[in-house]
Amino acid sequence: MQEILLVYNEIQSSDRNTEVIVATETEIWEEARKVRKLQLVMDLVTSTLQQADMPVEDASELVASTRRLALSLFPDKGHTFDLIYRPRLQRILSEKYKII
């Protein structure tokens, strides 16, 4: 919390016209919890896709469910999911199911 206030004070003294939104410690912890949850789910999903013997339809549904979970944790961040995670998941599906 002290670091956030130091950054806030630094910005405030350097530019009076800059609006700074400072997150509370609780908000920071909550965001970190969500990130850890998504990382854990992605690890589990990628492992499952690589190791489990499942039909391509089930694998595709698992990917879609993972995206829905990510959007429930981080609304309006679908584009970010598509940039970061979708290529990894598509690569796994392509390699496993020989999808081009």
N, C-alpha and C. Protein backbone atom coordinates (compact mmCIF):
# COMPACT_ATOMS: atom_id res chain seq x y z
N MET A 1 0.83 -1.19 0.00
CA MET A 1 0.00 0.00 0.00
C MET A 1 0.87 1.25 0.00
N GLN A 2 1.96 1.20 0.73
CA GLN A 2 2.85 2.34 0.83
C GLN A 2 3.45 2.68 -0.55
N GLU A 3 3.79 1.65 -1.35
CA GLU A 3 4.35 1.87 -2.67
C GLU A 3 3.35 2.59 -3.57
N ILE A 4 2.09 2.22 -3.48
CA ILE A 4 1.06 2.85 -4.29
C ILE A 4 0.96 4.33 -3.95
N LEU A 5 0.99 4.64 -2.68
CA LEU A 5 0.92 6.04 -2.28
C LEU A 5 2.13 6.82 -2.74
N LEU A 6 3.30 6.20 -2.74
CA LEU A 6 4.51 6.88 -3.22
C LEU A 6 4.38 7.21 -4.70
N VAL A 7 3.89 6.27 -5.48
CA VAL A 7 3.69 6.52 -6.91
C VAL A 7 2.66 7.62 -7.09
N TYR A 8 1.58 7.56 -6.34
CA TYR A 8 0.54 8.57 -6.44
C TYR A 8 1.09 9.95 -6.11
N ASN A 9 1.85 10.06 -5.05
CA ASN A 9 2.42 11.35 -4.67
C ASN A 9 3.39 11.86 -5.71
N GLU A 10 4.18 10.97 -6.30
CA GLU A 10 5.12 11.34 -7.33
C GLU A 10 4.40 11.91 -8.55
N ILE A 11 3.37 11.23 -8.99
CA ILE A 11 2.61 11.69 -10.15
C ILE A 11 1.90 12.99 -9.84
N GLN A 12 1.35 13.09 -8.65
CA GLN A 12 0.63 14.30 -8.27
C GLN A 12 1.54 15.52 -8.28
N SER A 13 2.75 15.37 -7.80
CA SER A 13 3.66 16.51 -7.75
C SER A 13 4.21 16.86 -9.12
N SER A 14 4.28 15.89 -10.05
CA SER A 14 4.86 16.17 -11.36
C SER A 14 3.86 16.75 -12.35
N ASP A 15 2.59 16.42 -12.23
CA ASP A 15 1.61 16.89 -13.19
C ASP A 15 0.25 17.02 -12.51
N ARG A 16 -0.15 18.22 -12.27
CA ARG A 16 -1.42 18.48 -11.56
C ARG A 16 -2.65 18.12 -12.39
N ASN A 17 -2.49 18.01 -13.73
CA ASN A 17 -3.63 17.72 -14.59
C ASN A 17 -3.85 16.22 -14.81
N THR A 18 -2.97 15.40 -14.29
CA THR A 18 -3.09 13.96 -14.47
C THR A 18 -4.02 13.38 -13.42
N GLU A 19 -5.02 12.64 -13.92
CA GLU A 19 -5.92 11.96 -13.00
C GLU A 19 -5.38 10.57 -12.76
N VAL A 20 -5.20 10.21 -11.52
CA VAL A 20 -4.67 8.91 -11.15
C VAL A 20 -5.71 8.16 -10.33
N ILE A 21 -5.97 6.94 -10.76
CA ILE A 21 -6.88 6.10 -10.00
C ILE A 21 -6.02 5.10 -9.24
N VAL A 22 -6.13 5.14 -7.95
CA VAL A 22 -5.32 4.26 -7.10
C VAL A 22 -6.22 3.16 -6.56
N ALA A 23 -5.78 1.93 -6.78
CA ALA A 23 -6.54 0.78 -6.29
C ALA A 23 -6.26 0.58 -4.81
N THR A 24 -7.26 0.11 -4.12
CA THR A 24 -7.07 -0.21 -2.71
C THR A 24 -6.32 -1.54 -2.61
N GLU A 25 -5.81 -1.80 -1.45
CA GLU A 25 -5.09 -3.06 -1.23
C GLU A 25 -6.01 -4.25 -1.47
N THR A 26 -7.25 -4.14 -1.06
CA THR A 26 -8.22 -5.22 -1.27
C THR A 26 -8.45 -5.46 -2.75
N GLU A 27 -8.57 -4.39 -3.53
CA GLU A 27 -8.76 -4.54 -4.97
C GLU A 27 -7.56 -5.20 -5.63
N ILE A 28 -6.38 -4.85 -5.17
CA ILE A 28 -5.16 -5.45 -5.72
C ILE A 28 -5.11 -6.94 -5.40
N TRP A 29 -5.44 -7.30 -4.18
CA TRP A 29 -5.47 -8.72 -3.79
C TRP A 29 -6.52 -9.48 -4.59
N GLU A 30 -7.67 -8.87 -4.79
CA GLU A 30 -8.74 -9.53 -5.55
C GLU A 30 -8.32 -9.74 -7.01
N GLU A 31 -7.70 -8.76 -7.59
CA GLU A 31 -7.21 -8.88 -8.97
C GLU A 31 -6.15 -9.98 -9.06
N ALA A 32 -5.25 -10.03 -8.11
CA ALA A 32 -4.22 -11.07 -8.09
C ALA A 32 -4.84 -12.45 -7.94
N ARG A 33 -5.88 -12.56 -7.13
CA ARG A 33 -6.58 -13.83 -6.93
C ARG A 33 -7.21 -14.29 -8.25
N LYS A 34 -7.81 -13.37 -8.97
CA LYS A 34 -8.43 -13.70 -10.25
C LYS A 34 -7.38 -14.15 -11.26
N VAL A 35 -6.26 -13.47 -11.29
CA VAL A 35 -5.17 -13.83 -12.21
C VAL A 35 -4.66 -15.23 -11.89
N ARG A 36 -4.44 -15.51 -10.61
CA ARG A 36 -3.97 -16.85 -10.21
C ARG A 36 -4.98 -17.92 -10.58
N LYS A 37 -6.25 -17.63 -10.41
CA LYS A 37 -7.30 -18.59 -10.76
C LYS A 37 -7.28 -18.88 -12.26
N LEU A 38 -7.17 -17.83 -13.07
CA LEU A 38 -7.13 -18.02 -14.52
C LEU A 38 -5.87 -18.79 -14.93
N GLN A 39 -4.74 -18.48 -14.32
CA GLN A 39 -3.51 -19.21 -14.63
C GLN A 39 -3.65 -20.69 -14.30
N LEU A 40 -4.24 -20.99 -13.15
CA LEU A 40 -4.43 -22.38 -12.74
C LEU A 40 -5.37 -23.10 -13.71
N VAL A 41 -6.46 -22.45 -14.07
CA VAL A 41 -7.40 -23.06 -15.01
C VAL A 41 -6.73 -23.29 -16.37
N MET A 42 -5.96 -22.32 -16.84
CA MET A 42 -5.28 -22.49 -18.12
C MET A 42 -4.28 -23.64 -18.06
N ASP A 43 -3.56 -23.78 -16.97
CA ASP A 43 -2.63 -24.90 -16.81
C ASP A 43 -3.38 -26.23 -16.87
N LEU A 44 -4.50 -26.29 -16.16
CA LEU A 44 -5.29 -27.52 -16.15
C LEU A 44 -5.88 -27.83 -17.53
N VAL A 45 -6.39 -26.81 -18.19
CA VAL A 45 -6.99 -27.00 -19.52
C VAL A 45 -5.94 -27.44 -20.53
N THR A 46 -4.80 -26.78 -20.54
CA THR A 46 -3.77 -27.18 -21.51
C THR A 46 -3.29 -28.60 -21.23
N SER A 47 -3.13 -28.96 -19.98
CA SER A 47 -2.73 -30.33 -19.64
C SER A 47 -3.79 -31.33 -20.07
N THR A 48 -5.04 -31.01 -19.80
CA THR A 48 -6.14 -31.90 -20.17
C THR A 48 -6.20 -32.07 -21.68
N LEU A 49 -6.09 -30.98 -22.41
CA LEU A 49 -6.14 -31.06 -23.87
C LEU A 49 -4.99 -31.91 -24.42
N GLN A 50 -3.82 -31.77 -23.84
CA GLN A 50 -2.66 -32.50 -24.33
C GLN A 50 -2.70 -33.98 -23.95
N GLN A 51 -3.26 -34.31 -22.79
CA GLN A 51 -3.15 -35.66 -22.27
C GLN A 51 -4.41 -36.51 -22.41
N ALA A 52 -5.56 -35.88 -22.35
CA ALA A 52 -6.82 -36.65 -22.34
C ALA A 52 -7.19 -37.10 -23.75
N ASP A 53 -7.82 -38.26 -23.80
CA ASP A 53 -8.33 -38.77 -25.06
C ASP A 53 -9.81 -38.37 -25.15
N MET A 54 -10.06 -37.26 -25.81
CA MET A 54 -11.43 -36.75 -25.90
C MET A 54 -11.72 -36.37 -27.34
N PRO A 55 -12.99 -36.42 -27.72
CA PRO A 55 -13.37 -35.99 -29.08
C PRO A 55 -13.08 -34.50 -29.28
N VAL A 56 -12.86 -34.14 -30.52
CA VAL A 56 -12.55 -32.75 -30.84
C VAL A 56 -13.67 -31.81 -30.41
N GLU A 57 -14.90 -32.28 -30.44
CA GLU A 57 -16.03 -31.44 -30.02
C GLU A 57 -15.92 -31.10 -28.53
N ASP A 58 -15.56 -32.09 -27.72
CA ASP A 58 -15.41 -31.85 -26.28
C ASP A 58 -14.23 -30.92 -26.00
N ALA A 59 -13.17 -31.09 -26.76
CA ALA A 59 -12.00 -30.22 -26.59
C ALA A 59 -12.36 -28.78 -26.95
N SER A 60 -13.12 -28.61 -28.02
CA SER A 60 -13.55 -27.26 -28.43
C SER A 60 -14.46 -26.64 -27.38
N GLU A 61 -15.33 -27.44 -26.80
CA GLU A 61 -16.21 -26.94 -25.75
C GLU A 61 -15.41 -26.55 -24.51
N LEU A 62 -14.37 -27.30 -24.20
CA LEU A 62 -13.50 -26.97 -23.07
C LEU A 62 -12.83 -25.61 -23.29
N VAL A 63 -12.37 -25.37 -24.50
CA VAL A 63 -11.77 -24.08 -24.84
C VAL A 63 -12.79 -22.96 -24.71
N ALA A 64 -13.99 -23.18 -25.22
CA ALA A 64 -15.05 -22.16 -25.13
C ALA A 64 -15.43 -21.89 -23.68
N SER A 65 -15.50 -22.93 -22.87
CA SER A 65 -15.82 -22.77 -21.44
C SER A 65 -14.73 -21.99 -20.71
N THR A 66 -13.50 -22.25 -21.11
CA THR A 66 -12.38 -21.53 -20.50
C THR A 66 -12.46 -20.04 -20.83
N ARG A 67 -12.81 -19.72 -22.06
CA ARG A 67 -12.95 -18.31 -22.44
C ARG A 67 -14.09 -17.66 -21.65
N ARG A 68 -15.20 -18.38 -21.49
CA ARG A 68 -16.31 -17.83 -20.71
C ARG A 68 -15.90 -17.57 -19.26
N LEU A 69 -15.12 -18.49 -18.69
CA LEU A 69 -14.62 -18.28 -17.33
C LEU A 69 -13.75 -17.03 -17.27
N ALA A 70 -12.85 -16.89 -18.24
CA ALA A 70 -11.97 -15.72 -18.27
C ALA A 70 -12.79 -14.43 -18.36
N LEU A 71 -13.85 -14.45 -19.17
CA LEU A 71 -14.70 -13.26 -19.29
C LEU A 71 -15.50 -13.00 -18.02
N SER A 72 -15.84 -14.05 -17.30
CA SER A 72 -16.55 -13.83 -16.03
C SER A 72 -15.61 -13.22 -14.98
N LEU A 73 -14.34 -13.58 -15.06
CA LEU A 73 -13.36 -12.99 -14.13
C LEU A 73 -12.96 -11.59 -14.55
N PHE A 74 -12.80 -11.40 -15.87
CA PHE A 74 -12.34 -10.12 -16.42
C PHE A 74 -13.27 -9.69 -17.55
N PRO A 75 -14.42 -9.11 -17.19
CA PRO A 75 -15.36 -8.66 -18.23
C PRO A 75 -14.70 -7.67 -19.19
N ASP A 76 -15.12 -7.70 -20.43
CA ASP A 76 -14.61 -6.79 -21.47
C ASP A 76 -13.14 -7.03 -21.80
N LYS A 77 -12.60 -8.20 -21.46
CA LYS A 77 -11.20 -8.51 -21.78
C LYS A 77 -11.11 -9.70 -22.72
N GLY A 78 -12.16 -9.91 -23.52
CA GLY A 78 -12.15 -11.01 -24.47
C GLY A 78 -11.04 -10.88 -25.48
N HIS A 79 -10.77 -9.67 -25.91
CA HIS A 79 -9.70 -9.43 -26.88
C HIS A 79 -8.35 -9.83 -26.29
N THR A 80 -8.15 -9.53 -25.02
CA THR A 80 -6.90 -9.90 -24.36
C THR A 80 -6.76 -11.41 -24.29
N PHE A 81 -7.84 -12.11 -23.95
CA PHE A 81 -7.82 -13.58 -23.95
C PHE A 81 -7.46 -14.10 -25.33
N ASP A 82 -8.07 -13.52 -26.36
CA ASP A 82 -7.82 -13.96 -27.73
C ASP A 82 -6.37 -13.74 -28.15
N LEU A 83 -5.76 -12.70 -27.65
CA LEU A 83 -4.36 -12.42 -27.98
C LEU A 83 -3.39 -13.32 -27.22
N ILE A 84 -3.70 -13.59 -25.96
CA ILE A 84 -2.75 -14.31 -25.11
C ILE A 84 -2.97 -15.82 -25.13
N TYR A 85 -4.20 -16.25 -24.90
CA TYR A 85 -4.45 -17.67 -24.69
C TYR A 85 -4.97 -18.43 -25.91
N ARG A 86 -5.77 -17.80 -26.74
CA ARG A 86 -6.35 -18.52 -27.88
C ARG A 86 -5.29 -19.15 -28.78
N PRO A 87 -4.20 -18.45 -29.14
CA PRO A 87 -3.20 -19.10 -30.00
C PRO A 87 -2.60 -20.36 -29.37
N ARG A 88 -2.36 -20.33 -28.08
CA ARG A 88 -1.82 -21.50 -27.39
C ARG A 88 -2.80 -22.67 -27.46
N LEU A 89 -4.07 -22.39 -27.20
CA LEU A 89 -5.08 -23.44 -27.22
C LEU A 89 -5.30 -23.97 -28.64
N GLN A 90 -5.30 -23.07 -29.62
CA GLN A 90 -5.46 -23.49 -31.02
C GLN A 90 -4.29 -24.36 -31.48
N ARG A 91 -3.08 -24.01 -31.04
CA ARG A 91 -1.90 -24.80 -31.40
C ARG A 91 -2.03 -26.21 -30.85
N ILE A 92 -2.46 -26.32 -29.59
CA ILE A 92 -2.64 -27.65 -28.99
C ILE A 92 -3.68 -28.45 -29.76
N LEU A 93 -4.82 -27.83 -30.07
CA LEU A 93 -5.87 -28.53 -30.83
C LEU A 93 -5.37 -28.92 -32.22
N SER A 94 -4.64 -28.02 -32.86
CA SER A 94 -4.13 -28.32 -34.20
C SER A 94 -3.16 -29.49 -34.18
N GLU A 95 -2.28 -29.51 -33.20
CA GLU A 95 -1.30 -30.59 -33.11
C GLU A 95 -1.96 -31.92 -32.77
N LYS A 96 -2.90 -31.89 -31.85
CA LYS A 96 -3.52 -33.13 -31.39
C LYS A 96 -4.49 -33.71 -32.41
N TYR A 97 -5.31 -32.85 -33.00
CA TYR A 97 -6.37 -33.31 -33.90
C TYR A 97 -6.04 -33.10 -35.37
N LYS A 98 -4.83 -32.66 -35.65
CA LYS A 98 -4.38 -32.44 -37.03
C LYS A 98 -5.30 -31.49 -37.77
N ILE A 99 -5.73 -30.43 -37.05
CA ILE A 99 -6.59 -29.41 -37.64
C ILE A 99 -5.71 -28.35 -38.28
N ILE A 100 -6.03 -27.98 -39.48
CA ILE A 100 -5.22 -26.96 -40.16
C ILE A 100 -5.96 -25.65 -40.16
